[in-house]
């Protein structure tokens, strides 16, 4: 556990439901496996999920989800976990929490045939981009979705910190190439911002739901290129790129976001992660360098 994280028990959820939502009292509550999320998930009966932050940095998502997901959901081609109730701190649980629909499906795995998923996911991304701004939150600082130039200093510091552990010349040349790409020319658009395999639900190879909108906001859609490098093989990546219809500059900024994130993660955590994780990070960087022009 990281500093600040807490453990949430089934008994706490029972007590919160009994006190705040007696209409669901008596429904079975089953803890779901933790998969690196900042939230503890509990299946509530057959059709609901209780979603409780387990760290201070995840608490703001409660308000963001409750405010925006019900407004975005009608415009999207697959279900998303729009809250149907917002709970309050109670007993020894310290933060607000939500009850959302239970969404069926399994996470996709690298190595499967994901071409159909790639096309479906591109449709989801394009639907997000097309939604009216509604004065939604705009990305800022170094968040995923800000102009790539705002990551320049951090990325170059990461390259320097990694030193000879990476091919600095090749990485720097790739980053210089990305920094020369045109910026997103339009207004900030709606982004999921964290389209990892663990946040996608599939059945029979098709997208059935998208979850965990902790990075929700408006910005440069290049960051949505991420699954092309974190999940899809070359064939699915090509299908994703074609279905997205992004121009060359946006695709370049997309792989640059993956490159920047991998460099920062490795540089920041090198001394605290396993040798296998280090090797995976370096392989990810090398893969982007080799295939960014495919």
C-alpha atoms as a PDB file:
ATOM      1  CA  UNK A   1       0.000   0.000   0.000  1.00  0.00           C
ATOM      2  CA  UNK A   2       1.082   3.546  -0.734  1.00  0.00           C
ATOM      3  CA  UNK A   3       1.070   6.207   2.003  1.00  0.00           C
ATOM      4  CA  UNK A   4      -2.457   7.506   2.507  1.00  0.00           C
ATOM      5  CA  UNK A   5      -4.234   4.415   1.182  1.00  0.00           C
ATOM      6  CA  UNK A   6      -6.808   2.663   3.325  1.00  0.00           C
ATOM      7  CA  UNK A   7      -8.411  -0.777   3.306  1.00  0.00           C
ATOM      8  CA  UNK A   8     -12.192  -0.827   2.830  1.00  0.00           C
ATOM      9  CA  UNK A   9     -14.021  -3.839   4.260  1.00  0.00           C
ATOM     10  CA  UNK A  10     -17.351  -5.386   3.257  1.00  0.00           C
ATOM     11  CA  UNK A  11     -18.646  -4.654   6.755  1.00  0.00           C
ATOM     12  CA  UNK A  12     -18.054  -0.924   6.259  1.00  0.00           C
ATOM     13  CA  UNK A  13     -19.986  -0.977   3.000  1.00  0.00           C
ATOM     14  CA  UNK A  14     -22.876  -2.833   4.642  1.00  0.00           C
ATOM     15  CA  UNK A  15     -23.017  -0.172   7.350  1.00  0.00           C
ATOM     16  CA  UNK A  16     -22.925   2.704   4.839  1.00  0.00           C
ATOM     17  CA  UNK A  17     -25.670   1.157   2.704  1.00  0.00           C
ATOM     18  CA  UNK A  18     -27.870   0.376   5.710  1.00  0.00           C
ATOM     19  CA  UNK A  19     -27.558   3.941   7.015  1.00  0.00           C
ATOM     20  CA  UNK A  20     -27.720   5.958   3.791  1.00  0.00           C
ATOM     21  CA  UNK A  21     -29.556   3.800   1.232  1.00  0.00           C
ATOM     22  CA  UNK A  22     -31.934   1.501   3.111  1.00  0.00           C
ATOM     23  CA  UNK A  23     -33.691   0.610  -0.153  1.00  0.00           C
ATOM     24  CA  UNK A  24     -30.615  -1.505  -0.969  1.00  0.00           C
ATOM     25  CA  UNK A  25     -30.145  -2.858   2.534  1.00  0.00           C
ATOM     26  CA  UNK A  26     -30.045  -6.617   2.489  1.00  0.00           C
ATOM     27  CA  UNK A  27     -28.568  -6.935  -0.988  1.00  0.00           C
ATOM     28  CA  UNK A  28     -25.495  -9.168  -1.066  1.00  0.00           C
ATOM     29  CA  UNK A  29     -22.198  -7.277  -1.163  1.00  0.00           C
ATOM     30  CA  UNK A  30     -19.165  -8.923  -2.768  1.00  0.00           C
ATOM     31  CA  UNK A  31     -15.723  -7.308  -2.805  1.00  0.00           C
ATOM     32  CA  UNK A  32     -14.117  -7.203  -6.252  1.00  0.00           C
ATOM     33  CA  UNK A  33     -10.403  -7.898  -6.850  1.00  0.00           C
ATOM     34  CA  UNK A  34      -8.118  -4.893  -6.602  1.00  0.00           C
ATOM     35  CA  UNK A  35      -6.483  -4.307  -9.978  1.00  0.00           C
ATOM     36  CA  UNK A  36      -4.346  -1.228  -9.321  1.00  0.00           C
ATOM     37  CA  UNK A  37      -7.332   1.061  -9.044  1.00  0.00           C
ATOM     38  CA  UNK A  38      -7.549   3.914  -6.540  1.00  0.00           C
ATOM     39  CA  UNK A  39     -11.019   2.711  -5.588  1.00  0.00           C
ATOM     40  CA  UNK A  40     -12.412  -0.297  -3.784  1.00  0.00           C
ATOM     41  CA  UNK A  41     -15.273  -1.884  -5.727  1.00  0.00           C
ATOM     42  CA  UNK A  42     -18.081  -3.962  -4.277  1.00  0.00           C
ATOM     43  CA  UNK A  43     -20.803  -5.646  -6.278  1.00  0.00           C
ATOM     44  CA  UNK A  44     -24.142  -4.720  -4.727  1.00  0.00           C
ATOM     45  CA  UNK A  45     -26.800  -7.227  -5.686  1.00  0.00           C
ATOM     46  CA  UNK A  46     -26.931  -8.125  -9.363  1.00  0.00           C
ATOM     47  CA  UNK A  47     -27.063  -4.700 -10.966  1.00  0.00           C
ATOM     48  CA  UNK A  48     -25.133  -2.194  -8.822  1.00  0.00           C
ATOM     49  CA  UNK A  49     -21.575  -1.415  -7.739  1.00  0.00           C
ATOM     50  CA  UNK A  50     -20.465   0.535  -4.674  1.00  0.00           C
ATOM     51  CA  UNK A  51     -17.319   2.478  -5.546  1.00  0.00           C
ATOM     52  CA  UNK A  52     -15.320   3.833  -2.601  1.00  0.00           C
ATOM     53  CA  UNK A  53     -12.086   5.848  -2.898  1.00  0.00           C
ATOM     54  CA  UNK A  54      -9.286   4.285  -0.920  1.00  0.00           C
ATOM     55  CA  UNK A  55      -6.818   7.174  -1.144  1.00  0.00           C
ATOM     56  CA  UNK A  56      -7.105  10.967  -0.788  1.00  0.00           C
ATOM     57  CA  UNK A  57      -6.033  11.586  -4.394  1.00  0.00           C
ATOM     58  CA  UNK A  58      -9.039   9.604  -5.690  1.00  0.00           C
ATOM     59  CA  UNK A  59     -11.706  11.528  -3.780  1.00  0.00           C
ATOM     60  CA  UNK A  60     -12.204  14.358  -6.277  1.00  0.00           C
ATOM     61  CA  UNK A  61     -13.364  11.837  -8.870  1.00  0.00           C
ATOM     62  CA  UNK A  62     -16.583  11.308  -6.912  1.00  0.00           C
ATOM     63  CA  UNK A  63     -17.772  14.831  -7.690  1.00  0.00           C
ATOM     64  CA  UNK A  64     -16.411  14.742 -11.246  1.00  0.00           C
ATOM     65  CA  UNK A  65     -18.184  11.485 -12.048  1.00  0.00           C
ATOM     66  CA  UNK A  66     -21.437  12.621 -10.470  1.00  0.00           C
ATOM     67  CA  UNK A  67     -21.364  15.942 -12.318  1.00  0.00           C
ATOM     68  CA  UNK A  68     -20.290  14.874 -15.795  1.00  0.00           C
ATOM     69  CA  UNK A  69     -20.892  11.202 -16.505  1.00  0.00           C
ATOM     70  CA  UNK A  70     -24.712  11.469 -16.457  1.00  0.00           C
ATOM     71  CA  UNK A  71     -24.391  14.277 -19.017  1.00  0.00           C
ATOM     72  CA  UNK A  72     -21.888  12.477 -21.222  1.00  0.00           C
ATOM     73  CA  UNK A  73     -23.422   8.994 -21.106  1.00  0.00           C
ATOM     74  CA  UNK A  74     -26.361   9.640 -23.488  1.00  0.00           C
ATOM     75  CA  UNK A  75     -23.896  10.621 -26.230  1.00  0.00           C
ATOM     76  CA  UNK A  76     -21.673   7.539 -25.960  1.00  0.00           C
ATOM     77  CA  UNK A  77     -21.986   4.251 -27.867  1.00  0.00           C
ATOM     78  CA  UNK A  78     -21.379   1.985 -24.846  1.00  0.00           C
ATOM     79  CA  UNK A  79     -22.363   2.195 -21.165  1.00  0.00           C
ATOM     80  CA  UNK A  80     -20.241   4.074 -18.640  1.00  0.00           C
ATOM     81  CA  UNK A  81     -20.526   4.028 -14.821  1.00  0.00           C
ATOM     82  CA  UNK A  82     -22.608   7.173 -14.359  1.00  0.00           C
ATOM     83  CA  UNK A  83     -23.422   7.452 -10.625  1.00  0.00           C
ATOM     84  CA  UNK A  84     -27.008   6.874  -9.583  1.00  0.00           C
ATOM     85  CA  UNK A  85     -26.334   7.786  -5.949  1.00  0.00           C
ATOM     86  CA  UNK A  86     -23.623   9.636  -4.030  1.00  0.00           C
ATOM     87  CA  UNK A  87     -22.896   8.514  -0.490  1.00  0.00           C
ATOM     88  CA  UNK A  88     -21.351  10.523   2.315  1.00  0.00           C
ATOM     89  CA  UNK A  89     -18.675   9.724   4.899  1.00  0.00           C
ATOM     90  CA  UNK A  90     -20.010   7.530   7.647  1.00  0.00           C
ATOM     91  CA  UNK A  91     -18.790   5.408  10.535  1.00  0.00           C
ATOM     92  CA  UNK A  92     -15.042   5.029  10.115  1.00  0.00           C
ATOM     93  CA  UNK A  93     -15.114   5.612   6.352  1.00  0.00           C
ATOM     94  CA  UNK A  94     -13.835   9.159   5.700  1.00  0.00           C
ATOM     95  CA  UNK A  95     -14.870  10.178   2.149  1.00  0.00           C
ATOM     96  CA  UNK A  96     -17.808  10.525  -0.246  1.00  0.00           C
ATOM     97  CA  UNK A  97     -18.481   7.529  -2.493  1.00  0.00           C
ATOM     98  CA  UNK A  98     -20.808   6.446  -5.277  1.00  0.00           C
ATOM     99  CA  UNK A  99     -23.196   3.742  -6.359  1.00  0.00           C
ATOM    100  CA  UNK A 100     -22.993   3.041 -10.095  1.00  0.00           C
ATOM    101  CA  UNK A 101     -24.484   0.426 -12.436  1.00  0.00           C
ATOM    102  CA  UNK A 102     -22.743  -2.927 -12.607  1.00  0.00           C
ATOM    103  CA  UNK A 103     -21.319  -3.263 -16.133  1.00  0.00           C
ATOM    104  CA  UNK A 104     -20.757  -6.742 -17.531  1.00  0.00           C
ATOM    105  CA  UNK A 105     -17.635  -7.652 -19.450  1.00  0.00           C
ATOM    106  CA  UNK A 106     -14.013  -8.604 -19.056  1.00  0.00           C
ATOM    107  CA  UNK A 107     -10.816  -6.665 -19.610  1.00  0.00           C
ATOM    108  CA  UNK A 108      -9.095  -7.314 -22.948  1.00  0.00           C
ATOM    109  CA  UNK A 109      -5.671  -8.894 -22.920  1.00  0.00           C
ATOM    110  CA  UNK A 110      -2.696  -8.225 -25.151  1.00  0.00           C
ATOM    111  CA  UNK A 111      -2.183 -11.114 -27.532  1.00  0.00           C
ATOM    112  CA  UNK A 112      -5.880 -11.547 -28.339  1.00  0.00           C
ATOM    113  CA  UNK A 113      -7.391 -10.530 -31.668  1.00  0.00           C
ATOM    114  CA  UNK A 114      -8.346  -6.956 -30.803  1.00  0.00           C
ATOM    115  CA  UNK A 115      -9.088  -5.504 -34.226  1.00  0.00           C
ATOM    116  CA  UNK A 116     -12.849  -5.283 -33.624  1.00  0.00           C
ATOM    117  CA  UNK A 117     -12.193  -3.740 -30.210  1.00  0.00           C
ATOM    118  CA  UNK A 118      -9.873  -1.183 -31.824  1.00  0.00           C
ATOM    119  CA  UNK A 119     -12.608  -0.075 -34.218  1.00  0.00           C
ATOM    120  CA  UNK A 120     -15.194   0.065 -31.408  1.00  0.00           C
ATOM    121  CA  UNK A 121     -12.870   2.037 -29.153  1.00  0.00           C
ATOM    122  CA  UNK A 122     -12.147   4.529 -31.931  1.00  0.00           C
ATOM    123  CA  UNK A 123     -15.913   5.091 -32.232  1.00  0.00           C
ATOM    124  CA  UNK A 124     -16.053   5.758 -28.492  1.00  0.00           C
ATOM    125  CA  UNK A 125     -13.191   8.268 -28.710  1.00  0.00           C
ATOM    126  CA  UNK A 126     -14.767  10.052 -31.651  1.00  0.00           C
ATOM    127  CA  UNK A 127     -18.096  10.216 -29.811  1.00  0.00           C
ATOM    128  CA  UNK A 128     -16.351  11.796 -26.810  1.00  0.00           C
ATOM    129  CA  UNK A 129     -14.642  14.347 -29.033  1.00  0.00           C
ATOM    130  CA  UNK A 130     -17.961  15.299 -30.630  1.00  0.00           C
ATOM    131  CA  UNK A 131     -19.755  16.098 -27.354  1.00  0.00           C
ATOM    132  CA  UNK A 132     -20.436  19.765 -26.677  1.00  0.00           C
ATOM    133  CA  UNK A 133     -17.932  21.295 -24.205  1.00  0.00           C
ATOM    134  CA  UNK A 134     -20.610  22.154 -21.604  1.00  0.00           C
ATOM    135  CA  UNK A 135     -17.951  24.201 -19.770  1.00  0.00           C
ATOM    136  CA  UNK A 136     -16.298  20.987 -18.657  1.00  0.00           C
ATOM    137  CA  UNK A 137     -12.908  21.020 -16.911  1.00  0.00           C
ATOM    138  CA  UNK A 138      -9.912  21.789 -19.119  1.00  0.00           C
ATOM    139  CA  UNK A 139      -6.608  19.970 -18.629  1.00  0.00           C
ATOM    140  CA  UNK A 140      -3.816  22.012 -17.081  1.00  0.00           C
ATOM    141  CA  UNK A 141      -0.267  21.715 -15.797  1.00  0.00           C
ATOM    142  CA  UNK A 142       1.314  18.494 -17.063  1.00  0.00           C
ATOM    143  CA  UNK A 143      -1.891  16.440 -17.073  1.00  0.00           C
ATOM    144  CA  UNK A 144      -2.521  14.065 -19.964  1.00  0.00           C
ATOM    145  CA  UNK A 145      -4.187  16.138 -22.652  1.00  0.00           C
ATOM    146  CA  UNK A 146      -2.392  19.455 -22.178  1.00  0.00           C
ATOM    147  CA  UNK A 147      -0.302  20.797 -25.086  1.00  0.00           C
ATOM    148  CA  UNK A 148       2.685  18.493 -25.460  1.00  0.00           C
ATOM    149  CA  UNK A 149       5.108  21.398 -25.019  1.00  0.00           C
ATOM    150  CA  UNK A 150       4.070  21.547 -21.371  1.00  0.00           C
ATOM    151  CA  UNK A 151       5.692  18.114 -20.916  1.00  0.00           C
ATOM    152  CA  UNK A 152       8.945  19.105 -22.609  1.00  0.00           C
ATOM    153  CA  UNK A 153      11.018  20.023 -19.557  1.00  0.00           C
ATOM    154  CA  UNK A 154       9.803  17.028 -17.532  1.00  0.00           C
ATOM    155  CA  UNK A 155      10.515  14.643 -20.399  1.00  0.00           C
ATOM    156  CA  UNK A 156      14.034  15.950 -21.029  1.00  0.00           C
ATOM    157  CA  UNK A 157      14.810  15.759 -17.310  1.00  0.00           C
ATOM    158  CA  UNK A 158      13.629  12.139 -17.345  1.00  0.00           C
ATOM    159  CA  UNK A 159      15.875  11.345 -20.319  1.00  0.00           C
ATOM    160  CA  UNK A 160      18.840  12.872 -18.496  1.00  0.00           C
ATOM    161  CA  UNK A 161      18.044  11.016 -15.275  1.00  0.00           C
ATOM    162  CA  UNK A 162      17.892   7.652 -17.041  1.00  0.00           C
ATOM    163  CA  UNK A 163      21.283   8.254 -18.638  1.00  0.00           C
ATOM    164  CA  UNK A 164      22.843   5.225 -20.306  1.00  0.00           C
ATOM    165  CA  UNK A 165      19.974   2.965 -19.241  1.00  0.00           C
ATOM    166  CA  UNK A 166      18.264   4.036 -22.476  1.00  0.00           C
ATOM    167  CA  UNK A 167      19.433   5.041 -25.944  1.00  0.00           C
ATOM    168  CA  UNK A 168      19.478   8.746 -25.133  1.00  0.00           C
ATOM    169  CA  UNK A 169      20.337   9.832 -28.657  1.00  0.00           C
ATOM    170  CA  UNK A 170      17.437   7.913 -30.237  1.00  0.00           C
ATOM    171  CA  UNK A 171      14.970   8.936 -27.524  1.00  0.00           C
ATOM    172  CA  UNK A 172      15.964  12.591 -27.761  1.00  0.00           C
ATOM    173  CA  UNK A 173      15.657  12.535 -31.559  1.00  0.00           C
ATOM    174  CA  UNK A 174      12.155  11.045 -31.286  1.00  0.00           C
ATOM    175  CA  UNK A 175      11.144  13.628 -28.701  1.00  0.00           C
ATOM    176  CA  UNK A 176      12.519  16.468 -30.845  1.00  0.00           C
ATOM    177  CA  UNK A 177      10.452  15.094 -33.734  1.00  0.00           C
ATOM    178  CA  UNK A 178       7.312  15.150 -31.603  1.00  0.00           C
ATOM    179  CA  UNK A 179       7.980  18.658 -30.358  1.00  0.00           C
ATOM    180  CA  UNK A 180       8.115  19.833 -33.974  1.00  0.00           C
ATOM    181  CA  UNK A 181       4.613  18.480 -34.701  1.00  0.00           C
ATOM    182  CA  UNK A 182       1.729  20.919 -34.974  1.00  0.00           C
ATOM    183  CA  UNK A 183      -0.359  21.453 -31.857  1.00  0.00           C
ATOM    184  CA  UNK A 184      -4.049  20.565 -31.685  1.00  0.00           C
ATOM    185  CA  UNK A 185      -5.688  23.376 -33.675  1.00  0.00           C
ATOM    186  CA  UNK A 186      -9.155  23.247 -32.194  1.00  0.00           C
ATOM    187  CA  UNK A 187     -10.714  23.908 -28.806  1.00  0.00           C
ATOM    188  CA  UNK A 188     -10.176  21.367 -25.995  1.00  0.00           C
ATOM    189  CA  UNK A 189     -12.357  18.269 -26.503  1.00  0.00           C
ATOM    190  CA  UNK A 190     -13.695  15.677 -24.076  1.00  0.00           C
ATOM    191  CA  UNK A 191     -11.166  12.945 -23.187  1.00  0.00           C
ATOM    192  CA  UNK A 192     -11.282   9.799 -21.127  1.00  0.00           C
ATOM    193  CA  UNK A 193      -7.541  10.209 -20.682  1.00  0.00           C
ATOM    194  CA  UNK A 194      -6.722   6.728 -19.340  1.00  0.00           C
ATOM    195  CA  UNK A 195      -7.760   4.137 -21.936  1.00  0.00           C
ATOM    196  CA  UNK A 196      -5.819   1.241 -20.457  1.00  0.00           C
ATOM    197  CA  UNK A 197      -6.956  -2.330 -20.983  1.00  0.00           C
ATOM    198  CA  UNK A 198      -8.112  -2.447 -17.359  1.00  0.00           C
ATOM    199  CA  UNK A 199     -10.580   0.375 -18.053  1.00  0.00           C
ATOM    200  CA  UNK A 200     -12.197  -1.354 -21.039  1.00  0.00           C
ATOM    201  CA  UNK A 201     -14.868  -4.065 -20.920  1.00  0.00           C
ATOM    202  CA  UNK A 202     -15.366  -6.520 -23.761  1.00  0.00           C
ATOM    203  CA  UNK A 203     -17.563  -9.462 -24.653  1.00  0.00           C
ATOM    204  CA  UNK A 204     -16.794 -11.672 -27.655  1.00  0.00           C
ATOM    205  CA  UNK A 205     -14.160  -9.207 -28.774  1.00  0.00           C
ATOM    206  CA  UNK A 206     -16.451  -6.161 -28.858  1.00  0.00           C
ATOM    207  CA  UNK A 207     -16.392  -3.142 -26.566  1.00  0.00           C
ATOM    208  CA  UNK A 208     -19.257  -3.265 -24.048  1.00  0.00           C
ATOM    209  CA  UNK A 209     -18.254  -0.560 -21.572  1.00  0.00           C
ATOM    210  CA  UNK A 210     -15.630   1.984 -20.538  1.00  0.00           C
ATOM    211  CA  UNK A 211     -14.918   2.570 -16.853  1.00  0.00           C
ATOM    212  CA  UNK A 212     -12.778   4.659 -14.492  1.00  0.00           C
ATOM    213  CA  UNK A 213     -13.006   8.264 -15.656  1.00  0.00           C
ATOM    214  CA  UNK A 214     -10.476   9.561 -13.140  1.00  0.00           C
ATOM    215  CA  UNK A 215      -8.613  11.433 -15.890  1.00  0.00           C
ATOM    216  CA  UNK A 216     -11.760  12.941 -17.434  1.00  0.00           C
ATOM    217  CA  UNK A 217     -11.477  16.441 -18.831  1.00  0.00           C
ATOM    218  CA  UNK A 218     -11.054  18.425 -22.022  1.00  0.00           C
ATOM    219  CA  UNK A 219      -7.827  18.783 -23.963  1.00  0.00           C
ATOM    220  CA  UNK A 220      -5.771  17.513 -26.896  1.00  0.00           C
ATOM    221  CA  UNK A 221      -7.220  14.184 -28.120  1.00  0.00           C
ATOM    222  CA  UNK A 222      -3.749  12.868 -28.987  1.00  0.00           C
ATOM    223  CA  UNK A 223      -3.589  11.251 -25.555  1.00  0.00           C
ATOM    224  CA  UNK A 224      -6.345   8.836 -26.639  1.00  0.00           C
ATOM    225  CA  UNK A 225      -3.812   7.212 -28.996  1.00  0.00           C
ATOM    226  CA  UNK A 226      -2.459   5.423 -25.908  1.00  0.00           C
ATOM    227  CA  UNK A 227      -4.111   1.990 -26.495  1.00  0.00           C
ATOM    228  CA  UNK A 228      -2.320   1.811 -29.828  1.00  0.00           C
ATOM    229  CA  UNK A 229       0.887   1.353 -27.863  1.00  0.00           C
ATOM    230  CA  UNK A 230      -0.180  -0.080 -24.515  1.00  0.00           C
ATOM    231  CA  UNK A 231      -2.663  -2.736 -25.696  1.00  0.00           C
ATOM    232  CA  UNK A 232      -2.917  -3.290 -29.454  1.00  0.00           C
ATOM    233  CA  UNK A 233      -0.599  -5.233 -31.725  1.00  0.00           C
ATOM    234  CA  UNK A 234       0.444  -3.807 -35.100  1.00  0.00           C
ATOM    235  CA  UNK A 235      -2.713  -4.994 -36.882  1.00  0.00           C
ATOM    236  CA  UNK A 236      -5.104  -3.659 -34.268  1.00  0.00           C
ATOM    237  CA  UNK A 237      -3.083  -0.445 -33.969  1.00  0.00           C
ATOM    238  CA  UNK A 238      -3.448   0.134 -37.719  1.00  0.00           C
ATOM    239  CA  UNK A 239      -7.205  -0.446 -37.466  1.00  0.00           C
ATOM    240  CA  UNK A 240      -7.405   1.942 -34.517  1.00  0.00           C
ATOM    241  CA  UNK A 241      -5.472   4.635 -36.349  1.00  0.00           C
ATOM    242  CA  UNK A 242      -7.644   4.343 -39.453  1.00  0.00           C
ATOM    243  CA  UNK A 243     -10.898   4.383 -37.478  1.00  0.00           C
ATOM    244  CA  UNK A 244      -9.807   7.369 -35.382  1.00  0.00           C
ATOM    245  CA  UNK A 245      -9.036   9.386 -38.496  1.00  0.00           C
ATOM    246  CA  UNK A 246      -6.493  11.549 -36.673  1.00  0.00           C
ATOM    247  CA  UNK A 247      -4.066  13.556 -38.788  1.00  0.00           C
ATOM    248  CA  UNK A 248      -0.347  12.792 -38.748  1.00  0.00           C
ATOM    249  CA  UNK A 249       0.495  15.483 -36.197  1.00  0.00           C
ATOM    250  CA  UNK A 250      -2.084  14.174 -33.724  1.00  0.00           C
ATOM    251  CA  UNK A 251      -0.803  10.621 -34.138  1.00  0.00           C
ATOM    252  CA  UNK A 252       2.764  11.847 -33.515  1.00  0.00           C
ATOM    253  CA  UNK A 253       1.710  13.665 -30.351  1.00  0.00           C
ATOM    254  CA  UNK A 254      -0.066  10.467 -29.314  1.00  0.00           C
ATOM    255  CA  UNK A 255       2.988   8.225 -29.387  1.00  0.00           C
ATOM    256  CA  UNK A 256       4.939  11.062 -27.803  1.00  0.00           C
ATOM    257  CA  UNK A 257       2.557  11.007 -24.842  1.00  0.00           C
ATOM    258  CA  UNK A 258       3.282   7.308 -24.380  1.00  0.00           C
ATOM    259  CA  UNK A 259       7.004   7.956 -24.686  1.00  0.00           C
ATOM    260  CA  UNK A 260       6.924  10.803 -22.177  1.00  0.00           C
ATOM    261  CA  UNK A 261       4.890   8.799 -19.689  1.00  0.00           C
ATOM    262  CA  UNK A 262       7.184   5.773 -19.902  1.00  0.00           C
ATOM    263  CA  UNK A 263      10.304   7.903 -19.486  1.00  0.00           C
ATOM    264  CA  UNK A 264       8.929   9.749 -16.480  1.00  0.00           C
ATOM    265  CA  UNK A 265       7.669   6.550 -14.835  1.00  0.00           C
ATOM    266  CA  UNK A 266      11.027   4.820 -15.224  1.00  0.00           C
ATOM    267  CA  UNK A 267      13.073   7.794 -14.075  1.00  0.00           C
ATOM    268  CA  UNK A 268      10.863   8.467 -11.073  1.00  0.00           C
ATOM    269  CA  UNK A 269      10.509   4.870  -9.858  1.00  0.00           C
ATOM    270  CA  UNK A 270      13.718   3.203 -11.038  1.00  0.00           C
ATOM    271  CA  UNK A 271      15.004   2.490  -7.522  1.00  0.00           C
ATOM    272  CA  UNK A 272      11.682   1.177  -6.206  1.00  0.00           C
ATOM    273  CA  UNK A 273      10.478  -1.127  -8.992  1.00  0.00           C
ATOM    274  CA  UNK A 274      11.540  -4.648  -9.884  1.00  0.00           C
ATOM    275  CA  UNK A 275      14.067  -5.555 -12.535  1.00  0.00           C
ATOM    276  CA  UNK A 276      11.219  -7.047 -14.600  1.00  0.00           C
ATOM    277  CA  UNK A 277       9.316  -3.747 -14.440  1.00  0.00           C
ATOM    278  CA  UNK A 278      12.425  -1.847 -15.505  1.00  0.00           C
ATOM    279  CA  UNK A 279      12.899  -4.163 -18.471  1.00  0.00           C
ATOM    280  CA  UNK A 280       9.224  -3.820 -19.424  1.00  0.00           C
ATOM    281  CA  UNK A 281       9.543  -0.037 -19.343  1.00  0.00           C
ATOM    282  CA  UNK A 282      12.634  -0.051 -21.526  1.00  0.00           C
ATOM    283  CA  UNK A 283      10.974  -2.457 -23.970  1.00  0.00           C
ATOM    284  CA  UNK A 284       7.975  -0.127 -24.195  1.00  0.00           C
ATOM    285  CA  UNK A 285      10.246   2.811 -25.040  1.00  0.00           C
ATOM    286  CA  UNK A 286      12.144   0.771 -27.635  1.00  0.00           C
ATOM    287  CA  UNK A 287       8.880  -0.430 -29.191  1.00  0.00           C
ATOM    288  CA  UNK A 288       7.678   3.147 -29.687  1.00  0.00           C
ATOM    289  CA  UNK A 289      11.007   4.187 -31.163  1.00  0.00           C
ATOM    290  CA  UNK A 290      11.002   1.310 -33.655  1.00  0.00           C
ATOM    291  CA  UNK A 291       7.385   1.477 -34.742  1.00  0.00           C
ATOM    292  CA  UNK A 292       6.372   5.125 -34.430  1.00  0.00           C
ATOM    293  CA  UNK A 293       6.458   5.569 -38.219  1.00  0.00           C
ATOM    294  CA  UNK A 294       4.472   2.407 -39.026  1.00  0.00           C
END
